[in-house]
Amino acid sequence: MTTALDGEGQLKLVIFDCDGVLVDSERASCQATAEFARSLGMDISDEVAHDRFAGKALPQIVEELEGELGRILPKNTAFKMRDNLVRIMKKMAEPVDGAPEMMQGIRSLGMPFRVGSNSSVAEMEVKFERAGMGHFFPENRVHSANDMNAPKPSPEVYLYAARIEGVLPENCVVIEDSDTGAEAARQAGMSCVLLRSEDLPLPSFWPAPGFVKITHLSQLVPLLRDVLESQKQA
């Protein structure tokens, strides 16, 4: 099977996850979720909350909290949590190390790019602005699985980004950091570059065709440049 990262393939679109790939907000988000869970009477540490909720959309988190509590939370719980996260991100969101430089490099490659995240568009706008990266991501190129009611690991946000760009899934590469997001890319039939440190385990389905790992964003542009060069020569 030929993938977007193969020399015989065609790489036409890069789709970025937001949290943990572009903006360093995952830990602060999970800390806020842990504080909310503790306010409901749950005994959960910030560390456990990060392991359980990283990469998940707010409706998914609310559903998990309801399952553990054994009761239904108010219908507006996810919206209240989102508004709280927006307030937190206005103060705490920072770019992932190397993200601004990486985006300049992606631009220099001339590659079209979009964002597909479990965060709401409202959250992402605040995160990008706070991180000084808003100019890279106009609203029409930012897509929210949460706002689509199809959170990852559903592949729909990635498939939607490809459809809007007019590109086939097999010509896309997703840049992810979570198992949930990598699974969404796999289900979408897209390639994936997983940003993950050496000391963390890989997803259970690893290895998979078209999936590669990097440990720092500085490795991404050289990787994609080599792919594009090899495809030109094919």
C-alpha atoms as a PDB file:
ATOM      1  CA  MET A   1       0.000   0.000   0.000  1.00  0.00           C
ATOM      2  CA  THR A   2       1.412   3.368  -1.069  1.00  0.00           C
ATOM      3  CA  THR A   3       1.127   6.180   1.483  1.00  0.00           C
ATOM      4  CA  ALA A   4       1.574   9.956   1.415  1.00  0.00           C
ATOM      5  CA  LEU A   5       5.051   9.543   2.929  1.00  0.00           C
ATOM      6  CA  ASP A   6       6.298   7.093   0.320  1.00  0.00           C
ATOM      7  CA  GLY A   7       8.443   8.110  -2.629  1.00  0.00           C
ATOM      8  CA  GLU A   8       5.765   6.684  -4.939  1.00  0.00           C
ATOM      9  CA  GLY A   9       2.958   8.517  -3.119  1.00  0.00           C
ATOM     10  CA  GLN A  10       1.602  12.043  -3.351  1.00  0.00           C
ATOM     11  CA  LEU A  11       1.762  14.324  -0.309  1.00  0.00           C
ATOM     12  CA  LYS A  12      -0.702  17.172  -0.840  1.00  0.00           C
ATOM     13  CA  LEU A  13      -1.946  18.274   2.600  1.00  0.00           C
ATOM     14  CA  VAL A  14      -0.600  18.503   6.150  1.00  0.00           C
ATOM     15  CA  ILE A  15      -3.212  18.383   8.933  1.00  0.00           C
ATOM     16  CA  PHE A  16      -2.087  19.424  12.397  1.00  0.00           C
ATOM     17  CA  ASP A  17      -3.555  18.505  15.716  1.00  0.00           C
ATOM     18  CA  CYS A  18      -3.543  21.548  18.025  1.00  0.00           C
ATOM     19  CA  ASP A  19      -2.908  20.584  21.649  1.00  0.00           C
ATOM     20  CA  GLY A  20       0.501  19.063  22.221  1.00  0.00           C
ATOM     21  CA  VAL A  21       1.585  19.644  18.615  1.00  0.00           C
ATOM     22  CA  LEU A  22       1.189  23.382  18.070  1.00  0.00           C
ATOM     23  CA  VAL A  23       0.167  24.714  21.473  1.00  0.00           C
ATOM     24  CA  ASP A  24       1.404  23.517  24.853  1.00  0.00           C
ATOM     25  CA  SER A  25      -1.953  23.473  26.628  1.00  0.00           C
ATOM     26  CA  GLU A  26      -2.655  19.815  27.345  1.00  0.00           C
ATOM     27  CA  ARG A  27      -1.326  19.747  30.897  1.00  0.00           C
ATOM     28  CA  ALA A  28      -3.087  22.961  31.911  1.00  0.00           C
ATOM     29  CA  SER A  29      -6.337  21.676  30.378  1.00  0.00           C
ATOM     30  CA  CYS A  30      -6.086  18.371  32.228  1.00  0.00           C
ATOM     31  CA  GLN A  31      -5.232  20.162  35.472  1.00  0.00           C
ATOM     32  CA  ALA A  32      -8.396  22.241  35.103  1.00  0.00           C
ATOM     33  CA  THR A  33     -10.367  19.065  34.431  1.00  0.00           C
ATOM     34  CA  ALA A  34      -8.883  17.426  37.537  1.00  0.00           C
ATOM     35  CA  GLU A  35      -9.848  20.417  39.661  1.00  0.00           C
ATOM     36  CA  PHE A  36     -13.393  20.244  38.272  1.00  0.00           C
ATOM     37  CA  ALA A  37     -13.592  16.498  38.956  1.00  0.00           C
ATOM     38  CA  ARG A  38     -12.389  17.006  42.525  1.00  0.00           C
ATOM     39  CA  SER A  39     -15.065  19.673  43.002  1.00  0.00           C
ATOM     40  CA  LEU A  40     -17.594  16.941  42.204  1.00  0.00           C
ATOM     41  CA  GLY A  41     -16.149  14.700  44.920  1.00  0.00           C
ATOM     42  CA  MET A  42     -13.822  12.548  42.812  1.00  0.00           C
ATOM     43  CA  ASP A  43     -10.395  11.580  44.131  1.00  0.00           C
ATOM     44  CA  ILE A  44      -8.175  12.196  41.098  1.00  0.00           C
ATOM     45  CA  SER A  45      -4.706  13.709  40.831  1.00  0.00           C
ATOM     46  CA  ASP A  46      -3.530  16.066  38.108  1.00  0.00           C
ATOM     47  CA  GLU A  47      -1.221  13.329  36.797  1.00  0.00           C
ATOM     48  CA  VAL A  48      -3.985  10.724  36.562  1.00  0.00           C
ATOM     49  CA  ALA A  49      -6.261  13.278  34.867  1.00  0.00           C
ATOM     50  CA  HIS A  50      -3.579  13.926  32.251  1.00  0.00           C
ATOM     51  CA  ASP A  51      -3.224  10.206  31.520  1.00  0.00           C
ATOM     52  CA  ARG A  52      -6.989   9.724  31.299  1.00  0.00           C
ATOM     53  CA  PHE A  53      -8.175  12.854  29.507  1.00  0.00           C
ATOM     54  CA  ALA A  54      -5.319  14.072  27.294  1.00  0.00           C
ATOM     55  CA  GLY A  55      -6.474  14.415  23.690  1.00  0.00           C
ATOM     56  CA  LYS A  56     -10.173  13.889  24.481  1.00  0.00           C
ATOM     57  CA  ALA A  57     -13.026  16.263  23.675  1.00  0.00           C
ATOM     58  CA  LEU A  58     -15.022  17.803  26.522  1.00  0.00           C
ATOM     59  CA  PRO A  59     -18.214  15.788  25.840  1.00  0.00           C
ATOM     60  CA  GLN A  60     -16.130  12.595  26.087  1.00  0.00           C
ATOM     61  CA  ILE A  61     -14.667  13.769  29.385  1.00  0.00           C
ATOM     62  CA  VAL A  62     -18.107  14.637  30.761  1.00  0.00           C
ATOM     63  CA  GLU A  63     -19.372  11.181  29.782  1.00  0.00           C
ATOM     64  CA  GLU A  64     -16.453   9.524  31.606  1.00  0.00           C
ATOM     65  CA  LEU A  65     -17.030  11.665  34.700  1.00  0.00           C
ATOM     66  CA  GLU A  66     -20.720  10.722  34.702  1.00  0.00           C
ATOM     67  CA  GLY A  67     -19.806   7.037  34.452  1.00  0.00           C
ATOM     68  CA  GLU A  68     -17.502   7.249  37.446  1.00  0.00           C
ATOM     69  CA  LEU A  69     -19.872   9.385  39.498  1.00  0.00           C
ATOM     70  CA  GLY A  70     -22.892   7.254  38.633  1.00  0.00           C
ATOM     71  CA  ARG A  71     -25.042  10.272  37.885  1.00  0.00           C
ATOM     72  CA  ILE A  72     -25.874  12.649  35.060  1.00  0.00           C
ATOM     73  CA  LEU A  73     -24.273  16.078  35.161  1.00  0.00           C
ATOM     74  CA  PRO A  74     -26.146  19.225  34.042  1.00  0.00           C
ATOM     75  CA  LYS A  75     -26.538  19.545  30.261  1.00  0.00           C
ATOM     76  CA  ASN A  76     -24.409  22.697  30.151  1.00  0.00           C
ATOM     77  CA  THR A  77     -21.420  21.092  31.936  1.00  0.00           C
ATOM     78  CA  ALA A  78     -19.281  20.791  28.787  1.00  0.00           C
ATOM     79  CA  PHE A  79     -20.001  24.419  27.866  1.00  0.00           C
ATOM     80  CA  LYS A  80     -19.034  25.601  31.357  1.00  0.00           C
ATOM     81  CA  MET A  81     -15.814  23.602  31.194  1.00  0.00           C
ATOM     82  CA  ARG A  82     -15.057  25.087  27.757  1.00  0.00           C
ATOM     83  CA  ASP A  83     -15.578  28.640  29.017  1.00  0.00           C
ATOM     84  CA  ASN A  84     -13.271  27.904  31.959  1.00  0.00           C
ATOM     85  CA  LEU A  85     -10.622  26.506  29.605  1.00  0.00           C
ATOM     86  CA  VAL A  86     -10.845  29.591  27.391  1.00  0.00           C
ATOM     87  CA  ARG A  87     -10.160  31.774  30.442  1.00  0.00           C
ATOM     88  CA  ILE A  88      -7.212  29.591  31.449  1.00  0.00           C
ATOM     89  CA  MET A  89      -5.741  29.536  27.936  1.00  0.00           C
ATOM     90  CA  LYS A  90      -5.811  33.325  27.727  1.00  0.00           C
ATOM     91  CA  LYS A  91      -3.172  33.233  30.477  1.00  0.00           C
ATOM     92  CA  MET A  92      -1.343  29.928  30.071  1.00  0.00           C
ATOM     93  CA  ALA A  93      -1.203  28.721  26.442  1.00  0.00           C
ATOM     94  CA  GLU A  94       2.305  28.694  24.973  1.00  0.00           C
ATOM     95  CA  PRO A  95       3.675  27.362  21.690  1.00  0.00           C
ATOM     96  CA  VAL A  96       5.107  23.876  21.704  1.00  0.00           C
ATOM     97  CA  ASP A  97       8.902  24.109  21.543  1.00  0.00           C
ATOM     98  CA  GLY A  98       9.862  24.778  17.934  1.00  0.00           C
ATOM     99  CA  ALA A  99       6.300  25.246  16.664  1.00  0.00           C
ATOM    100  CA  PRO A 100       6.636  28.803  15.226  1.00  0.00           C
ATOM    101  CA  GLU A 101       9.872  27.915  13.436  1.00  0.00           C
ATOM    102  CA  MET A 102       8.329  24.692  12.149  1.00  0.00           C
ATOM    103  CA  MET A 103       5.339  26.570  10.736  1.00  0.00           C
ATOM    104  CA  GLN A 104       7.647  28.977   8.919  1.00  0.00           C
ATOM    105  CA  GLY A 105       9.335  25.939   7.422  1.00  0.00           C
ATOM    106  CA  ILE A 106       6.018  24.407   6.350  1.00  0.00           C
ATOM    107  CA  ARG A 107       5.191  27.670   4.605  1.00  0.00           C
ATOM    108  CA  SER A 108       8.552  27.627   2.847  1.00  0.00           C
ATOM    109  CA  LEU A 109       7.734  24.151   1.502  1.00  0.00           C
ATOM    110  CA  GLY A 110       4.591  25.579  -0.085  1.00  0.00           C
ATOM    111  CA  MET A 111       2.503  22.847   1.547  1.00  0.00           C
ATOM    112  CA  PRO A 112      -1.202  23.491   2.197  1.00  0.00           C
ATOM    113  CA  PHE A 113      -2.056  22.885   5.853  1.00  0.00           C
ATOM    114  CA  ARG A 114      -5.095  22.750   8.110  1.00  0.00           C
ATOM    115  CA  VAL A 115      -5.822  22.068  11.789  1.00  0.00           C
ATOM    116  CA  GLY A 116      -8.107  19.309  13.089  1.00  0.00           C
ATOM    117  CA  SER A 117      -8.525  19.229  16.859  1.00  0.00           C
ATOM    118  CA  ASN A 118     -10.801  17.949  19.597  1.00  0.00           C
ATOM    119  CA  SER A 119     -10.725  21.483  21.033  1.00  0.00           C
ATOM    120  CA  SER A 120     -13.505  23.880  20.077  1.00  0.00           C
ATOM    121  CA  VAL A 121     -12.757  26.615  17.541  1.00  0.00           C
ATOM    122  CA  ALA A 122     -13.280  29.162  20.337  1.00  0.00           C
ATOM    123  CA  GLU A 123     -10.562  27.475  22.419  1.00  0.00           C
ATOM    124  CA  MET A 124      -8.154  27.230  19.509  1.00  0.00           C
ATOM    125  CA  GLU A 125      -8.529  30.886  18.574  1.00  0.00           C
ATOM    126  CA  VAL A 126      -7.555  31.893  22.121  1.00  0.00           C
ATOM    127  CA  LYS A 127      -4.690  29.392  22.253  1.00  0.00           C
ATOM    128  CA  PHE A 128      -3.191  30.495  18.935  1.00  0.00           C
ATOM    129  CA  GLU A 129      -3.510  34.170  19.844  1.00  0.00           C
ATOM    130  CA  ARG A 130      -1.904  33.680  23.273  1.00  0.00           C
ATOM    131  CA  ALA A 131       0.886  31.591  21.724  1.00  0.00           C
ATOM    132  CA  GLY A 132       1.586  34.272  19.109  1.00  0.00           C
ATOM    133  CA  MET A 133       0.658  31.935  16.265  1.00  0.00           C
ATOM    134  CA  GLY A 134      -2.739  33.265  15.201  1.00  0.00           C
ATOM    135  CA  HIS A 135      -1.379  34.604  11.905  1.00  0.00           C
ATOM    136  CA  PHE A 136      -0.588  31.069  10.758  1.00  0.00           C
ATOM    137  CA  PHE A 137      -4.124  29.743  11.170  1.00  0.00           C
ATOM    138  CA  PRO A 138      -7.040  31.657   9.612  1.00  0.00           C
ATOM    139  CA  GLU A 139     -10.419  30.503  10.894  1.00  0.00           C
ATOM    140  CA  ASN A 140     -11.404  28.814   7.616  1.00  0.00           C
ATOM    141  CA  ARG A 141      -8.470  26.402   7.976  1.00  0.00           C
ATOM    142  CA  VAL A 142      -9.213  25.392  11.586  1.00  0.00           C
ATOM    143  CA  HIS A 143     -11.663  22.526  12.205  1.00  0.00           C
ATOM    144  CA  SER A 144     -13.069  21.241  15.484  1.00  0.00           C
ATOM    145  CA  ALA A 145     -14.107  17.632  16.037  1.00  0.00           C
ATOM    146  CA  ASN A 146     -15.862  18.810  19.193  1.00  0.00           C
ATOM    147  CA  ASP A 147     -17.950  21.371  17.305  1.00  0.00           C
ATOM    148  CA  MET A 148     -18.762  18.689  14.711  1.00  0.00           C
ATOM    149  CA  ASN A 149     -19.968  16.319  17.475  1.00  0.00           C
ATOM    150  CA  ALA A 150     -17.509  13.733  16.171  1.00  0.00           C
ATOM    151  CA  PRO A 151     -14.527  13.732  18.553  1.00  0.00           C
ATOM    152  CA  LYS A 152     -11.435  11.668  17.854  1.00  0.00           C
ATOM    153  CA  PRO A 153     -10.812   8.763  17.552  1.00  0.00           C
ATOM    154  CA  SER A 154     -13.557   9.365  14.984  1.00  0.00           C
ATOM    155  CA  PRO A 155     -11.718  10.249  11.751  1.00  0.00           C
ATOM    156  CA  GLU A 156     -14.383  12.725  10.637  1.00  0.00           C
ATOM    157  CA  VAL A 157     -12.508  15.952  11.438  1.00  0.00           C
ATOM    158  CA  TYR A 158      -9.545  14.799   9.354  1.00  0.00           C
ATOM    159  CA  LEU A 159     -11.732  13.561   6.514  1.00  0.00           C
ATOM    160  CA  TYR A 160     -13.602  16.859   6.559  1.00  0.00           C
ATOM    161  CA  ALA A 161     -10.355  18.848   6.318  1.00  0.00           C
ATOM    162  CA  ALA A 162      -9.322  16.753   3.318  1.00  0.00           C
ATOM    163  CA  ARG A 163     -12.694  17.203   1.606  1.00  0.00           C
ATOM    164  CA  ILE A 164     -12.611  20.978   2.069  1.00  0.00           C
ATOM    165  CA  GLU A 165      -9.090  21.072   0.621  1.00  0.00           C
ATOM    166  CA  GLY A 166     -10.172  18.791  -2.243  1.00  0.00           C
ATOM    167  CA  VAL A 167      -7.552  16.171  -1.409  1.00  0.00           C
ATOM    168  CA  LEU A 168      -7.895  12.402  -1.051  1.00  0.00           C
ATOM    169  CA  PRO A 169      -7.177  10.911   2.411  1.00  0.00           C
ATOM    170  CA  GLU A 170      -4.252   8.887   1.077  1.00  0.00           C
ATOM    171  CA  ASN A 171      -2.563  12.163   0.075  1.00  0.00           C
ATOM    172  CA  CYS A 172      -2.686  13.613   3.599  1.00  0.00           C
ATOM    173  CA  VAL A 173      -0.351  13.421   6.568  1.00  0.00           C
ATOM    174  CA  VAL A 174      -1.581  14.120  10.087  1.00  0.00           C
ATOM    175  CA  ILE A 175       0.759  15.524  12.751  1.00  0.00           C
ATOM    176  CA  GLU A 176      -0.323  14.115  16.116  1.00  0.00           C
ATOM    177  CA  ASP A 177       0.921  13.511  19.635  1.00  0.00           C
ATOM    178  CA  SER A 178      -1.825  11.365  21.200  1.00  0.00           C
ATOM    179  CA  ASP A 179      -2.880   7.750  20.682  1.00  0.00           C
ATOM    180  CA  THR A 180      -6.457   8.973  20.211  1.00  0.00           C
ATOM    181  CA  GLY A 181      -5.464  11.301  17.393  1.00  0.00           C
ATOM    182  CA  ALA A 182      -3.158   8.760  15.769  1.00  0.00           C
ATOM    183  CA  GLU A 183      -6.029   6.251  15.749  1.00  0.00           C
ATOM    184  CA  ALA A 184      -8.240   8.884  14.070  1.00  0.00           C
ATOM    185  CA  ALA A 185      -5.593   9.306  11.365  1.00  0.00           C
ATOM    186  CA  ARG A 186      -5.362   5.543  10.910  1.00  0.00           C
ATOM    187  CA  GLN A 187      -9.141   5.224  10.553  1.00  0.00           C
ATOM    188  CA  ALA A 188      -9.116   8.101   8.048  1.00  0.00           C
ATOM    189  CA  GLY A 189      -6.648   6.205   5.873  1.00  0.00           C
ATOM    190  CA  MET A 190      -4.056   8.959   6.267  1.00  0.00           C
ATOM    191  CA  SER A 191      -0.355   8.895   7.066  1.00  0.00           C
ATOM    192  CA  CYS A 192       0.744  10.192  10.454  1.00  0.00           C
ATOM    193  CA  VAL A 193       3.826  11.755  11.997  1.00  0.00           C
ATOM    194  CA  LEU A 194       3.666  11.112  15.735  1.00  0.00           C
ATOM    195  CA  LEU A 195       5.425  13.642  17.962  1.00  0.00           C
ATOM    196  CA  ARG A 196       6.519  11.665  21.010  1.00  0.00           C
ATOM    197  CA  SER A 197       9.517  11.557  23.328  1.00  0.00           C
ATOM    198  CA  GLU A 198      11.690   8.457  23.465  1.00  0.00           C
ATOM    199  CA  ASP A 199      10.565   7.481  26.960  1.00  0.00           C
ATOM    200  CA  LEU A 200       6.860   7.157  26.111  1.00  0.00           C
ATOM    201  CA  PRO A 201       5.270   4.023  24.615  1.00  0.00           C
ATOM    202  CA  LEU A 202       3.895   3.928  21.081  1.00  0.00           C
ATOM    203  CA  PRO A 203       0.224   3.257  20.204  1.00  0.00           C
ATOM    204  CA  SER A 204      -0.919  -0.355  20.399  1.00  0.00           C
ATOM    205  CA  PHE A 205      -1.293  -0.634  16.604  1.00  0.00           C
ATOM    206  CA  TRP A 206       2.296   0.482  15.950  1.00  0.00           C
ATOM    207  CA  PRO A 207       3.987  -0.059  13.521  1.00  0.00           C
ATOM    208  CA  ALA A 208       1.571   0.844  10.719  1.00  0.00           C
ATOM    209  CA  PRO A 209       2.040   1.809   7.048  1.00  0.00           C
ATOM    210  CA  GLY A 210       2.666   5.515   6.619  1.00  0.00           C
ATOM    211  CA  PHE A 211       3.264   6.116  10.358  1.00  0.00           C
ATOM    212  CA  VAL A 212       6.570   7.531  11.591  1.00  0.00           C
ATOM    213  CA  LYS A 213       7.744   9.024  14.875  1.00  0.00           C
ATOM    214  CA  ILE A 214       9.677  12.199  15.622  1.00  0.00           C
ATOM    215  CA  THR A 215      10.819  13.442  19.024  1.00  0.00           C
ATOM    216  CA  HIS A 216      10.968  17.187  18.272  1.00  0.00           C
ATOM    217  CA  LEU A 217       9.208  19.494  15.819  1.00  0.00           C
ATOM    218  CA  SER A 218      12.556  20.519  14.325  1.00  0.00           C
ATOM    219  CA  GLN A 219      12.561  17.101  12.626  1.00  0.00           C
ATOM    220  CA  LEU A 220       9.276  17.602  10.786  1.00  0.00           C
ATOM    221  CA  VAL A 221      10.173  19.999   7.967  1.00  0.00           C
ATOM    222  CA  PRO A 222      13.324  18.047   6.923  1.00  0.00           C
ATOM    223  CA  LEU A 223      11.244  14.854   6.928  1.00  0.00           C
ATOM    224  CA  LEU A 224       8.537  16.334   4.712  1.00  0.00           C
ATOM    225  CA  ARG A 225      11.090  18.026   2.458  1.00  0.00           C
ATOM    226  CA  ASP A 226      12.768  14.677   1.834  1.00  0.00           C
ATOM    227  CA  VAL A 227       9.397  13.087   1.072  1.00  0.00           C
ATOM    228  CA  LEU A 228       8.482  15.819  -1.422  1.00  0.00           C
ATOM    229  CA  GLU A 229      11.873  15.591  -3.106  1.00  0.00           C
ATOM    230  CA  SER A 230      11.626  11.811  -3.449  1.00  0.00           C
ATOM    231  CA  GLN A 231       8.140  12.117  -4.924  1.00  0.00           C
ATOM    232  CA  LYS A 232       9.332  14.662  -7.497  1.00  0.00           C
ATOM    233  CA  GLN A 233      11.973  12.202  -8.633  1.00  0.00           C
ATOM    234  CA  ALA A 234       9.611   9.234  -8.817  1.00  0.00           C
END
